Amino acid sequence: MKLPATLVFDYPTPTALAGYLVQRAVGDAPARVVVAARTGTDEPIAIVGMSCRYPGGVSSPQGLWDLVVRGGDGITPFPVDRG
């Protein structure tokens, strides 16, 4: 099957691309609906590893999380030693 060079731009999501490929492969066959099962969890976010320069005087991942939770501003003045 020949595919256009603009395929990923014409179908930017995996679902749209899969639908296009299925239609090209089987023609006008009826579409099957697949429903994914949701699994429950009591932890909304899990940070496995983290390393970066923190904004706004934050010195740890917990401090960064606290800044996000309170809606703080992490923008600092431009450093004067960088010309």
N, C-alpha and C. Protein backbone atom coordinates (compact mmCIF):
# COMPACT_ATOMS: atom_id res chain seq x y z
N MET A 1 0.85 -1.16 0.00
CA MET A 1 0.00 0.00 0.00
C MET A 1 0.90 1.24 0.00
N LYS A 2 0.70 2.12 -0.96
CA LYS A 2 1.46 3.36 -1.00
C LYS A 2 0.78 4.38 -0.10
N LEU A 3 1.57 5.05 0.71
CA LEU A 3 1.05 6.05 1.63
C LEU A 3 1.63 7.42 1.27
N PRO A 4 0.84 8.47 1.43
CA PRO A 4 1.33 9.80 1.11
C PRO A 4 2.41 10.27 2.10
N ALA A 5 3.32 11.12 1.64
CA ALA A 5 4.38 11.64 2.49
C ALA A 5 3.81 12.53 3.60
N THR A 6 2.63 13.07 3.41
CA THR A 6 2.03 13.97 4.40
C THR A 6 1.10 13.24 5.37
N LEU A 7 1.22 11.93 5.45
CA LEU A 7 0.30 11.11 6.24
C LEU A 7 0.19 11.57 7.69
N VAL A 8 1.31 11.82 8.36
CA VAL A 8 1.25 12.19 9.78
C VAL A 8 0.69 13.59 9.98
N PHE A 9 0.73 14.41 8.95
CA PHE A 9 0.14 15.75 9.06
C PHE A 9 -1.35 15.71 8.75
N ASP A 10 -1.74 14.84 7.83
CA ASP A 10 -3.15 14.71 7.47
C ASP A 10 -3.94 13.99 8.57
N TYR A 11 -3.28 13.08 9.30
CA TYR A 11 -3.92 12.30 10.37
C TYR A 11 -3.02 12.39 11.60
N PRO A 12 -3.10 13.50 12.36
CA PRO A 12 -2.13 13.78 13.43
C PRO A 12 -2.30 12.97 14.71
N THR A 13 -3.40 12.23 14.87
CA THR A 13 -3.55 11.42 16.08
C THR A 13 -3.48 9.94 15.70
N PRO A 14 -3.04 9.10 16.63
CA PRO A 14 -2.99 7.66 16.33
C PRO A 14 -4.36 7.10 15.94
N THR A 15 -5.42 7.60 16.55
CA THR A 15 -6.77 7.10 16.24
C THR A 15 -7.15 7.46 14.81
N ALA A 16 -6.90 8.69 14.41
CA ALA A 16 -7.22 9.12 13.04
C ALA A 16 -6.40 8.34 12.02
N LEU A 17 -5.11 8.14 12.31
CA LEU A 17 -4.25 7.39 11.40
C LEU A 17 -4.71 5.94 11.29
N ALA A 18 -5.05 5.33 12.42
CA ALA A 18 -5.53 3.94 12.39
C ALA A 18 -6.81 3.83 11.60
N GLY A 19 -7.73 4.78 11.77
CA GLY A 19 -8.97 4.77 11.00
C GLY A 19 -8.72 4.86 9.52
N TYR A 20 -7.80 5.73 9.12
CA TYR A 20 -7.45 5.88 7.71
C TYR A 20 -6.85 4.58 7.16
N LEU A 21 -5.92 3.99 7.91
CA LEU A 21 -5.26 2.76 7.43
C LEU A 21 -6.25 1.60 7.34
N VAL A 22 -7.15 1.49 8.30
CA VAL A 22 -8.15 0.43 8.25
C VAL A 22 -9.05 0.62 7.03
N GLN A 23 -9.48 1.86 6.80
CA GLN A 23 -10.34 2.13 5.66
C GLN A 23 -9.62 1.80 4.35
N ARG A 24 -8.35 2.13 4.27
CA ARG A 24 -7.58 1.82 3.05
C ARG A 24 -7.40 0.31 2.89
N ALA A 25 -7.22 -0.41 4.01
CA ALA A 25 -6.95 -1.84 3.94
C ALA A 25 -8.19 -2.67 3.65
N VAL A 26 -9.32 -2.32 4.26
CA VAL A 26 -10.52 -3.16 4.11
C VAL A 26 -11.65 -2.48 3.37
N GLY A 27 -11.46 -1.26 2.97
CA GLY A 27 -12.49 -0.56 2.21
C GLY A 27 -13.60 -0.06 3.10
N ASP A 28 -14.84 -0.31 2.71
CA ASP A 28 -15.99 0.22 3.43
C ASP A 28 -16.57 -0.79 4.42
N ALA A 29 -15.73 -1.63 5.00
CA ALA A 29 -16.21 -2.59 6.00
C ALA A 29 -16.68 -1.82 7.23
N PRO A 30 -17.69 -2.35 7.93
CA PRO A 30 -18.18 -1.65 9.12
C PRO A 30 -17.08 -1.53 10.17
N ALA A 31 -17.04 -0.38 10.80
CA ALA A 31 -16.01 -0.12 11.81
C ALA A 31 -16.35 -0.83 13.12
N ARG A 32 -15.34 -1.35 13.77
CA ARG A 32 -15.50 -1.96 15.08
C ARG A 32 -15.15 -0.92 16.13
N VAL A 33 -15.94 -0.86 17.15
CA VAL A 33 -15.68 0.08 18.24
C VAL A 33 -15.00 -0.68 19.36
N VAL A 34 -13.84 -0.21 19.77
CA VAL A 34 -13.11 -0.83 20.86
C VAL A 34 -13.11 0.14 22.02
N VAL A 35 -13.59 -0.30 23.18
CA VAL A 35 -13.64 0.54 24.35
C VAL A 35 -12.54 0.11 25.31
N ALA A 36 -11.69 1.03 25.68
CA ALA A 36 -10.60 0.72 26.60
C ALA A 36 -11.13 0.73 28.03
N ALA A 37 -10.67 -0.20 28.82
CA ALA A 37 -11.08 -0.26 30.22
C ALA A 37 -10.25 0.72 31.05
N ARG A 38 -10.91 1.43 31.92
CA ARG A 38 -10.22 2.35 32.83
C ARG A 38 -9.85 1.61 34.09
N THR A 39 -8.68 1.88 34.57
CA THR A 39 -8.27 1.31 35.84
C THR A 39 -8.23 2.42 36.87
N GLY A 40 -8.66 2.13 38.05
CA GLY A 40 -8.67 3.14 39.11
C GLY A 40 -7.34 3.22 39.82
N THR A 41 -7.03 4.41 40.29
CA THR A 41 -5.82 4.60 41.07
C THR A 41 -6.06 5.73 42.05
N ASP A 42 -5.43 5.66 43.18
CA ASP A 42 -5.60 6.72 44.17
C ASP A 42 -4.47 7.74 44.10
N GLU A 43 -3.52 7.54 43.19
CA GLU A 43 -2.41 8.48 43.04
C GLU A 43 -2.51 9.14 41.67
N PRO A 44 -2.90 10.43 41.63
CA PRO A 44 -3.11 11.08 40.33
C PRO A 44 -1.83 11.30 39.54
N ILE A 45 -0.70 11.50 40.21
CA ILE A 45 0.56 11.75 39.51
C ILE A 45 1.66 11.00 40.24
N ALA A 46 2.52 10.34 39.49
CA ALA A 46 3.69 9.68 40.07
C ALA A 46 4.93 10.20 39.36
N ILE A 47 5.81 10.86 40.09
CA ILE A 47 7.06 11.36 39.52
C ILE A 47 8.12 10.31 39.83
N VAL A 48 8.66 9.70 38.78
CA VAL A 48 9.62 8.63 38.97
C VAL A 48 11.02 9.18 39.15
N GLY A 49 11.38 10.16 38.38
CA GLY A 49 12.69 10.79 38.49
C GLY A 49 12.62 12.20 37.97
N MET A 50 13.45 13.07 38.51
CA MET A 50 13.36 14.46 38.10
C MET A 50 14.69 15.15 38.32
N SER A 51 15.10 15.92 37.34
CA SER A 51 16.33 16.69 37.46
C SER A 51 16.20 17.90 36.56
N CYS A 52 16.30 19.08 37.14
CA CYS A 52 16.22 20.29 36.34
C CYS A 52 16.62 21.50 37.18
N ARG A 53 16.68 22.63 36.53
CA ARG A 53 16.88 23.89 37.24
C ARG A 53 15.50 24.43 37.56
N TYR A 54 15.27 24.73 38.80
CA TYR A 54 13.95 25.15 39.24
C TYR A 54 13.80 26.67 39.18
N PRO A 55 12.62 27.16 38.81
CA PRO A 55 12.38 28.60 38.74
C PRO A 55 11.98 29.18 40.10
N GLY A 56 12.09 30.48 40.21
CA GLY A 56 11.53 31.19 41.36
C GLY A 56 12.12 30.85 42.71
N GLY A 57 13.40 30.48 42.77
CA GLY A 57 14.03 30.18 44.05
C GLY A 57 13.67 28.83 44.63
N VAL A 58 13.03 27.97 43.85
CA VAL A 58 12.67 26.63 44.31
C VAL A 58 13.92 25.77 44.29
N SER A 59 14.10 24.95 45.34
CA SER A 59 15.33 24.16 45.43
C SER A 59 15.12 22.65 45.47
N SER A 60 13.87 22.18 45.29
CA SER A 60 13.61 20.74 45.32
C SER A 60 12.36 20.42 44.52
N PRO A 61 12.18 19.15 44.16
CA PRO A 61 10.94 18.77 43.47
C PRO A 61 9.70 19.07 44.31
N GLN A 62 9.78 18.88 45.63
CA GLN A 62 8.63 19.18 46.49
C GLN A 62 8.34 20.68 46.46
N GLY A 63 9.37 21.50 46.47
CA GLY A 63 9.18 22.95 46.39
C GLY A 63 8.54 23.35 45.08
N LEU A 64 8.93 22.68 43.99
CA LEU A 64 8.31 22.96 42.68
C LEU A 64 6.84 22.58 42.70
N TRP A 65 6.53 21.43 43.29
CA TRP A 65 5.13 20.99 43.38
C TRP A 65 4.32 21.99 44.22
N ASP A 66 4.89 22.47 45.33
CA ASP A 66 4.20 23.45 46.16
C ASP A 66 3.94 24.74 45.38
N LEU A 67 4.90 25.15 44.56
CA LEU A 67 4.74 26.35 43.72
C LEU A 67 3.57 26.16 42.75
N VAL A 68 3.47 24.98 42.15
CA VAL A 68 2.39 24.68 41.20
C VAL A 68 1.04 24.64 41.92
N VAL A 69 0.99 23.98 43.08
CA VAL A 69 -0.26 23.83 43.82
C VAL A 69 -0.81 25.17 44.25
N ARG A 70 0.06 26.06 44.73
CA ARG A 70 -0.45 27.36 45.21
C ARG A 70 -0.62 28.37 44.09
N GLY A 71 -0.28 27.96 42.85
CA GLY A 71 -0.45 28.86 41.70
C GLY A 71 0.57 29.98 41.71
N GLY A 72 1.73 29.70 42.26
CA GLY A 72 2.77 30.73 42.37
C GLY A 72 3.40 31.08 41.03
N ASP A 73 4.16 32.14 41.04
CA ASP A 73 4.83 32.63 39.83
C ASP A 73 6.30 32.22 39.90
N GLY A 74 6.76 31.48 38.94
CA GLY A 74 8.15 31.02 38.92
C GLY A 74 9.06 31.90 38.10
N ILE A 75 8.58 33.04 37.64
CA ILE A 75 9.40 33.91 36.80
C ILE A 75 10.26 34.80 37.69
N THR A 76 11.54 34.86 37.37
CA THR A 76 12.47 35.70 38.11
C THR A 76 13.07 36.74 37.16
N PRO A 77 13.67 37.77 37.70
CA PRO A 77 14.30 38.77 36.83
C PRO A 77 15.42 38.16 35.99
N PHE A 78 15.73 38.78 34.86
CA PHE A 78 16.81 38.32 34.00
C PHE A 78 18.14 38.48 34.75
N PRO A 79 19.01 37.47 34.72
CA PRO A 79 20.29 37.59 35.43
C PRO A 79 21.13 38.74 34.87
N VAL A 80 21.72 39.51 35.76
CA VAL A 80 22.51 40.67 35.33
C VAL A 80 23.89 40.29 34.82
N ASP A 81 24.36 39.07 35.12
CA ASP A 81 25.70 38.66 34.73
C ASP A 81 25.75 37.97 33.36
N ARG A 82 24.69 38.11 32.57
CA ARG A 82 24.66 37.44 31.27
C ARG A 82 24.60 38.42 30.11
N GLY A 83 24.91 39.66 30.36
CA GLY A 83 25.02 40.65 29.30
C GLY A 83 23.71 41.04 28.74
